[in-house]
């Protein structure tokens, strides 16, 4: 095997090992404990996708977080 091919191949194998639970169960979430991914970022992603499908525009305001907050300029 050529030596320049080993690092990308090793990286691909490690990536597949890390995401193997998602390959077996694609509808589940990789992290099961309480984290920012589950508490904030995933609902924002769902809101963004739903808003885009319904209106075809990016949402500037999210009325569902707290009493409403900016969406596009929020981190």
N, C-alpha and C. Protein backbone atom coordinates (compact mmCIF):
# COMPACT_ATOMS: atom_id res chain seq x y z
N UNK A 1 0.84 -1.17 0.00
CA UNK A 1 0.00 0.00 0.00
C UNK A 1 0.89 1.24 0.00
N UNK A 2 0.47 2.24 -0.72
CA UNK A 2 1.26 3.46 -0.79
C UNK A 2 1.14 4.23 0.52
N UNK A 3 2.20 4.85 0.93
CA UNK A 3 2.23 5.51 2.24
C UNK A 3 1.34 6.75 2.28
N UNK A 4 1.14 7.44 1.17
CA UNK A 4 0.31 8.64 1.16
C UNK A 4 -1.17 8.29 1.31
N UNK A 5 -1.54 7.04 1.10
CA UNK A 5 -2.93 6.62 1.20
C UNK A 5 -3.32 6.21 2.62
N UNK A 6 -2.35 5.94 3.46
CA UNK A 6 -2.65 5.46 4.81
C UNK A 6 -3.37 6.47 5.69
N UNK A 7 -2.94 7.74 5.80
CA UNK A 7 -3.65 8.67 6.69
C UNK A 7 -5.12 8.90 6.30
N UNK A 8 -5.46 9.14 5.02
CA UNK A 8 -6.88 9.31 4.71
C UNK A 8 -7.70 8.04 4.96
N UNK A 9 -7.10 6.89 4.70
CA UNK A 9 -7.81 5.63 4.95
C UNK A 9 -8.04 5.42 6.43
N UNK A 10 -7.05 5.73 7.25
CA UNK A 10 -7.19 5.62 8.71
C UNK A 10 -8.25 6.59 9.22
N UNK A 11 -8.27 7.80 8.71
CA UNK A 11 -9.27 8.78 9.10
C UNK A 11 -10.68 8.32 8.72
N UNK A 12 -10.84 7.74 7.56
CA UNK A 12 -12.14 7.23 7.13
C UNK A 12 -12.61 6.08 8.02
N UNK A 13 -11.71 5.19 8.37
CA UNK A 13 -12.06 4.06 9.24
C UNK A 13 -12.45 4.55 10.62
N UNK A 14 -11.70 5.51 11.18
CA UNK A 14 -12.03 6.06 12.49
C UNK A 14 -13.38 6.79 12.47
N UNK A 15 -13.64 7.49 11.39
CA UNK A 15 -14.94 8.16 11.26
C UNK A 15 -16.09 7.16 11.20
N UNK A 16 -15.91 6.09 10.47
CA UNK A 16 -16.95 5.06 10.41
C UNK A 16 -17.16 4.38 11.76
N UNK A 17 -16.08 4.16 12.50
CA UNK A 17 -16.22 3.57 13.83
C UNK A 17 -16.96 4.50 14.78
N UNK A 18 -16.67 5.80 14.70
CA UNK A 18 -17.32 6.76 15.58
C UNK A 18 -18.82 6.87 15.27
N UNK A 19 -19.18 6.88 13.98
CA UNK A 19 -20.58 7.05 13.59
C UNK A 19 -21.29 5.72 13.35
N UNK A 20 -20.69 4.62 13.75
CA UNK A 20 -21.30 3.30 13.54
C UNK A 20 -22.68 3.17 14.19
N UNK A 21 -22.90 3.71 15.41
CA UNK A 21 -24.26 3.63 15.96
C UNK A 21 -25.30 4.34 15.10
N UNK A 22 -24.91 5.43 14.45
CA UNK A 22 -25.86 6.12 13.57
C UNK A 22 -26.11 5.34 12.29
N UNK A 23 -25.14 4.58 11.85
CA UNK A 23 -25.34 3.77 10.66
C UNK A 23 -26.33 2.65 10.95
N UNK A 24 -26.24 2.07 12.14
CA UNK A 24 -27.18 1.01 12.52
C UNK A 24 -28.58 1.54 12.81
N UNK A 25 -28.67 2.71 13.45
CA UNK A 25 -29.96 3.29 13.84
C UNK A 25 -30.00 4.75 13.39
N UNK A 26 -30.34 5.03 12.14
CA UNK A 26 -30.25 6.40 11.62
C UNK A 26 -31.26 7.38 12.20
N UNK A 27 -32.31 6.90 12.87
CA UNK A 27 -33.29 7.83 13.43
C UNK A 27 -32.96 8.26 14.85
N UNK A 28 -31.93 7.69 15.45
CA UNK A 28 -31.56 8.04 16.81
C UNK A 28 -30.52 9.15 16.82
N UNK A 29 -30.29 9.71 18.00
CA UNK A 29 -29.33 10.79 18.17
C UNK A 29 -28.05 10.20 18.74
N UNK A 30 -26.91 10.71 18.28
CA UNK A 30 -25.63 10.15 18.69
C UNK A 30 -25.35 10.37 20.17
N UNK A 31 -25.69 11.54 20.69
CA UNK A 31 -25.44 11.85 22.09
C UNK A 31 -26.74 11.74 22.86
N UNK A 32 -26.79 10.89 23.87
CA UNK A 32 -28.04 10.68 24.60
C UNK A 32 -28.13 11.51 25.87
N UNK A 33 -27.03 12.07 26.34
CA UNK A 33 -27.11 12.88 27.55
C UNK A 33 -27.57 14.29 27.21
N UNK A 34 -27.85 15.07 28.24
CA UNK A 34 -28.31 16.44 28.02
C UNK A 34 -27.15 17.27 27.49
N UNK A 35 -27.34 17.85 26.34
CA UNK A 35 -26.28 18.67 25.74
C UNK A 35 -26.91 19.81 24.96
N UNK A 36 -26.10 20.75 24.55
CA UNK A 36 -26.59 21.87 23.75
C UNK A 36 -27.16 21.41 22.42
N UNK A 37 -26.63 20.32 21.90
CA UNK A 37 -27.13 19.80 20.64
C UNK A 37 -28.61 19.44 20.75
N UNK A 38 -28.96 18.73 21.81
CA UNK A 38 -30.34 18.29 21.97
C UNK A 38 -31.24 19.40 22.50
N UNK A 39 -30.73 20.25 23.35
CA UNK A 39 -31.56 21.26 24.00
C UNK A 39 -31.82 22.48 23.14
N UNK A 40 -30.87 22.87 22.32
CA UNK A 40 -31.03 24.13 21.59
C UNK A 40 -30.84 24.00 20.09
N UNK A 41 -29.74 23.39 19.67
CA UNK A 41 -29.40 23.41 18.24
C UNK A 41 -30.31 22.53 17.39
N UNK A 42 -30.70 21.38 17.88
CA UNK A 42 -31.56 20.51 17.10
C UNK A 42 -32.96 21.11 16.90
N UNK A 43 -33.61 21.66 17.94
CA UNK A 43 -34.89 22.33 17.69
C UNK A 43 -34.78 23.53 16.75
N UNK A 44 -33.67 24.26 16.84
CA UNK A 44 -33.48 25.39 15.92
C UNK A 44 -33.33 24.89 14.48
N UNK A 45 -32.65 23.78 14.31
CA UNK A 45 -32.50 23.20 12.97
C UNK A 45 -33.85 22.77 12.41
N UNK A 46 -34.67 22.13 13.27
CA UNK A 46 -36.01 21.73 12.82
C UNK A 46 -36.85 22.95 12.46
N UNK A 47 -36.75 24.02 13.27
CA UNK A 47 -37.49 25.25 12.98
C UNK A 47 -37.05 25.83 11.64
N UNK A 48 -35.74 25.88 11.41
CA UNK A 48 -35.21 26.43 10.17
C UNK A 48 -35.72 25.64 8.96
N UNK A 49 -35.65 24.33 9.02
CA UNK A 49 -36.08 23.49 7.90
C UNK A 49 -37.58 23.65 7.66
N UNK A 50 -38.37 23.63 8.74
CA UNK A 50 -39.83 23.76 8.58
C UNK A 50 -40.19 25.12 8.00
N UNK A 51 -39.56 26.19 8.50
CA UNK A 51 -39.85 27.54 8.01
C UNK A 51 -39.47 27.67 6.54
N UNK A 52 -38.32 27.11 6.18
CA UNK A 52 -37.87 27.18 4.78
C UNK A 52 -38.84 26.43 3.86
N UNK A 53 -39.33 25.27 4.29
CA UNK A 53 -40.26 24.50 3.47
C UNK A 53 -41.60 25.21 3.32
N UNK A 54 -42.04 25.91 4.36
CA UNK A 54 -43.35 26.57 4.30
C UNK A 54 -43.31 27.89 3.55
N UNK A 55 -42.23 28.68 3.73
CA UNK A 55 -42.22 30.03 3.16
C UNK A 55 -41.19 30.22 2.05
N UNK A 56 -40.15 29.40 2.03
CA UNK A 56 -39.10 29.58 1.04
C UNK A 56 -38.13 30.69 1.40
N UNK A 57 -38.19 31.20 2.65
CA UNK A 57 -37.32 32.27 3.11
C UNK A 57 -36.62 31.86 4.40
N UNK A 58 -35.52 32.53 4.70
CA UNK A 58 -34.84 32.29 5.97
C UNK A 58 -35.57 33.05 7.07
N UNK A 59 -35.79 32.44 8.22
CA UNK A 59 -36.49 33.14 9.30
C UNK A 59 -35.57 34.15 10.00
N UNK A 60 -36.07 35.36 10.19
CA UNK A 60 -35.30 36.37 10.90
C UNK A 60 -35.58 36.34 12.39
N UNK A 61 -36.73 35.79 12.78
CA UNK A 61 -37.16 35.80 14.17
C UNK A 61 -37.71 34.43 14.53
N UNK A 62 -37.34 33.92 15.68
CA UNK A 62 -37.88 32.65 16.17
C UNK A 62 -38.85 32.94 17.30
N UNK A 63 -40.16 32.82 17.07
CA UNK A 63 -41.12 33.15 18.12
C UNK A 63 -41.27 32.05 19.17
N UNK A 64 -40.65 30.90 18.97
CA UNK A 64 -40.83 29.76 19.87
C UNK A 64 -39.77 29.67 20.96
N UNK A 65 -38.70 30.41 20.88
CA UNK A 65 -37.65 30.39 21.89
C UNK A 65 -37.86 31.57 22.83
N UNK A 66 -38.00 31.26 24.11
CA UNK A 66 -38.30 32.27 25.14
C UNK A 66 -39.56 33.02 24.71
N UNK A 67 -39.53 34.34 24.63
CA UNK A 67 -40.67 35.12 24.16
C UNK A 67 -40.41 35.61 22.75
N UNK A 68 -39.47 34.99 22.08
CA UNK A 68 -39.06 35.37 20.74
C UNK A 68 -37.65 35.91 20.79
N UNK A 69 -36.88 35.58 19.79
CA UNK A 69 -35.49 36.06 19.73
C UNK A 69 -35.02 36.04 18.29
N UNK A 70 -34.01 36.85 17.95
CA UNK A 70 -33.48 36.83 16.59
C UNK A 70 -32.98 35.42 16.24
N UNK A 71 -33.18 35.04 15.00
CA UNK A 71 -32.79 33.69 14.61
C UNK A 71 -31.56 33.68 13.71
N UNK A 72 -31.54 34.48 12.67
CA UNK A 72 -30.44 34.46 11.71
C UNK A 72 -29.14 34.96 12.33
N UNK A 73 -29.19 36.02 13.13
CA UNK A 73 -27.98 36.59 13.68
C UNK A 73 -27.56 35.98 15.01
N UNK A 74 -28.29 34.99 15.46
CA UNK A 74 -27.92 34.31 16.69
C UNK A 74 -26.90 33.24 16.38
N UNK A 75 -26.00 32.98 17.32
CA UNK A 75 -24.99 31.97 17.08
C UNK A 75 -25.62 30.60 17.14
